Amino acid sequence: MQASRQRLLWLIAFLSFAALGVALVSQHVFNMPPCAWCVLQRLIYLVIGLIALIGASANALARLGAALTGILSLCGIAAAWYQYDVAAHMFSCDLTFADRFMSASGLDGSIPWVFGIFASCMDATVEVLGIEYALWSLALFAIILITSLIAAVKR
């Protein structure tokens, strides 16, 4: 069963890094500048992916990795929902949690091509196939949560 837990963690890592890749392609190829909540979700995907890789690579850490990715996916769900339900209706994301956190981390200045904040939340609202980008992200975080829970409870 350990092998199936590790496969699920590899899947979580793949999904997380794929989400980050799609976000970067959207920004740099399709000219969709991210808002503070967008880049916060990018950071969450990156951390989930890294933890899933560590858990998949180290047998002793697999269950812990699954639990941590589940907790982080809940954070991602909260961030995506806030972006969709609140921030997308605000003229500015300035001084929201995401803006303060990303600015305090220094990531927006040190790695601006990944974590730079280039739009307000209202301006960053984009639909793909008729569904807002934030809801796509929320759905992926939910899939990661379910996968994490399955991996965590496997015997």
Protein backbone atom coordinates (compact mmCIF):
# COMPACT_ATOMS: atom_id res chain seq x y z
CA MET A 1 0.00 0.00 0.00
CA GLN A 2 2.96 2.31 0.53
CA ALA A 3 3.55 2.28 -3.23
CA SER A 4 0.00 3.47 -3.93
CA ARG A 5 0.39 6.30 -1.38
CA GLN A 6 3.58 7.33 -3.14
CA ARG A 7 1.85 7.22 -6.54
CA LEU A 8 -0.86 9.51 -5.21
CA LEU A 9 1.79 11.91 -3.93
CA TRP A 10 3.50 11.87 -7.34
CA LEU A 11 0.10 12.69 -8.87
CA ILE A 12 -0.39 15.56 -6.41
CA ALA A 13 3.07 16.91 -7.26
CA PHE A 14 2.33 16.67 -10.98
CA LEU A 15 -1.03 18.44 -10.64
CA SER A 16 0.48 21.20 -8.51
CA PHE A 17 3.39 21.88 -10.84
CA ALA A 18 1.06 21.66 -13.85
CA ALA A 19 -1.20 24.31 -12.26
CA LEU A 20 1.82 26.53 -11.71
CA GLY A 21 2.88 25.98 -15.32
CA VAL A 22 -0.58 26.85 -16.63
CA ALA A 23 -0.58 30.03 -14.54
CA LEU A 24 2.81 31.06 -15.93
CA VAL A 25 1.76 30.32 -19.52
CA SER A 26 -1.44 32.30 -18.95
CA GLN A 27 0.59 35.24 -17.69
CA HIS A 28 3.53 35.25 -20.08
CA VAL A 29 1.98 33.86 -23.28
CA PHE A 30 -1.66 34.98 -23.06
CA ASN A 31 -0.95 38.25 -21.22
CA MET A 32 -3.10 37.60 -18.15
CA PRO A 33 -1.44 39.59 -15.34
CA PRO A 34 -1.91 38.05 -11.88
CA CYS A 35 -3.33 39.66 -8.77
CA ALA A 36 -2.16 39.14 -5.20
CA TRP A 37 -4.55 36.25 -4.62
CA CYS A 38 -3.41 34.59 -7.86
CA VAL A 39 0.24 34.63 -6.83
CA LEU A 40 -0.61 33.44 -3.32
CA GLN A 41 -2.29 30.41 -4.89
CA ARG A 42 0.81 29.89 -7.06
CA LEU A 43 2.90 29.77 -3.89
CA ILE A 44 0.51 27.26 -2.32
CA TYR A 45 0.70 25.04 -5.44
CA LEU A 46 4.50 25.24 -5.36
CA VAL A 47 4.70 24.27 -1.67
CA ILE A 48 2.17 21.46 -2.14
CA GLY A 49 4.21 20.13 -5.05
CA LEU A 50 7.47 20.23 -3.11
CA ILE A 51 5.97 18.53 -0.06
CA ALA A 52 4.35 15.88 -2.25
CA LEU A 53 7.71 15.21 -3.93
CA ILE A 54 9.44 14.81 -0.58
CA GLY A 55 6.68 12.51 0.68
CA ALA A 56 6.75 10.43 -2.50
CA SER A 57 10.53 10.10 -2.33
CA ALA A 58 10.84 9.23 1.36
CA ASN A 59 8.74 6.28 2.54
CA ALA A 60 8.81 7.42 6.16
CA LEU A 61 7.39 10.84 5.25
CA ALA A 62 4.65 9.73 2.85
CA ARG A 63 1.75 9.86 5.30
CA LEU A 64 2.94 13.18 6.76
CA GLY A 65 3.37 14.58 3.24
CA ALA A 66 -0.17 13.53 2.37
CA ALA A 67 -1.53 15.19 5.50
CA LEU A 68 0.40 18.41 4.88
CA THR A 69 -0.70 18.61 1.24
CA GLY A 70 -4.28 18.17 2.43
CA ILE A 71 -3.95 21.04 4.90
CA LEU A 72 -2.34 23.26 2.27
CA SER A 73 -5.05 22.42 -0.24
CA LEU A 74 -7.60 23.68 2.30
CA CYS A 75 -5.62 26.94 2.39
CA GLY A 76 -5.74 27.00 -1.40
CA ILE A 77 -9.49 26.43 -1.41
CA ALA A 78 -9.93 29.32 1.01
CA ALA A 79 -7.70 31.59 -1.10
CA ALA A 80 -9.47 30.70 -4.36
CA TRP A 81 -12.90 31.17 -2.80
CA TYR A 82 -11.91 34.52 -1.31
CA GLN A 83 -10.55 35.63 -4.68
CA TYR A 84 -13.75 34.60 -6.44
CA ASP A 85 -16.29 35.77 -3.88
CA VAL A 86 -14.69 38.89 -2.36
CA ALA A 87 -11.49 40.10 -4.00
CA ALA A 88 -12.79 39.94 -7.57
CA HIS A 89 -15.31 42.61 -6.62
CA MET A 90 -12.75 44.94 -5.05
CA PHE A 91 -11.06 47.75 -6.97
CA SER A 92 -7.78 46.93 -5.27
CA CYS A 93 -6.21 43.96 -3.49
CA ASP A 94 -3.87 46.32 -1.63
CA LEU A 95 -3.60 45.55 2.05
CA THR A 96 -5.52 42.28 1.79
CA PHE A 97 -3.89 39.24 3.39
CA ALA A 98 -2.50 38.00 0.06
CA ASP A 99 -0.94 41.35 -0.80
CA ARG A 100 0.63 41.78 2.64
CA PHE A 101 1.87 38.17 2.77
CA MET A 102 3.43 38.19 -0.70
CA SER A 103 5.04 41.60 -0.10
CA ALA A 104 6.37 40.55 3.31
CA SER A 105 7.79 37.33 1.89
CA GLY A 106 9.83 39.30 -0.64
CA LEU A 107 8.96 36.80 -3.37
CA ASP A 108 7.14 39.40 -5.45
CA GLY A 109 10.35 41.41 -5.76
CA SER A 110 12.89 38.59 -5.92
CA ILE A 111 11.04 36.34 -8.39
CA PRO A 112 8.65 38.74 -10.14
CA TRP A 113 8.16 36.55 -13.23
CA VAL A 114 6.45 33.99 -10.94
CA PHE A 115 5.20 35.94 -7.93
CA GLY A 116 4.94 39.52 -9.16
CA ILE A 117 1.59 41.22 -8.57
CA PHE A 118 0.66 43.03 -11.77
CA ALA A 119 -3.12 43.53 -11.58
CA SER A 120 -5.92 44.26 -9.18
CA CYS A 121 -8.20 41.38 -8.36
CA MET A 122 -11.03 42.95 -10.33
CA ASP A 123 -8.81 43.37 -13.39
CA ALA A 124 -7.43 39.83 -13.09
CA THR A 125 -10.87 38.21 -13.30
CA VAL A 126 -10.77 35.98 -16.36
CA GLU A 127 -13.10 33.26 -17.60
CA VAL A 128 -11.89 30.08 -19.26
CA LEU A 129 -14.62 28.03 -20.94
CA GLY A 130 -17.19 30.23 -19.21
CA ILE A 131 -15.84 29.56 -15.71
CA GLU A 132 -13.74 32.02 -13.73
CA TYR A 133 -10.08 31.12 -13.35
CA ALA A 134 -10.38 31.22 -9.54
CA LEU A 135 -13.06 28.51 -9.65
CA TRP A 136 -10.81 26.30 -11.81
CA SER A 137 -8.14 26.73 -9.16
CA LEU A 138 -10.62 25.97 -6.38
CA ALA A 139 -11.66 22.77 -8.18
CA LEU A 140 -8.05 21.65 -8.54
CA PHE A 141 -7.35 22.35 -4.87
CA ALA A 142 -10.43 20.23 -4.04
CA ILE A 143 -9.10 17.38 -6.20
CA ILE A 144 -5.75 17.64 -4.44
CA LEU A 145 -7.51 17.62 -1.07
CA ILE A 146 -9.43 14.44 -1.90
CA THR A 147 -6.30 12.78 -3.27
CA SER A 148 -4.36 13.83 -0.16
CA LEU A 149 -7.01 12.39 2.13
CA ILE A 150 -6.99 9.09 0.26
CA ALA A 151 -3.19 8.96 0.45
CA ALA A 152 -3.18 9.87 4.15
CA VAL A 153 -5.68 7.19 5.24
CA LYS A 154 -4.35 4.31 3.12
CA ARG A 155 -2.97 1.51 5.25
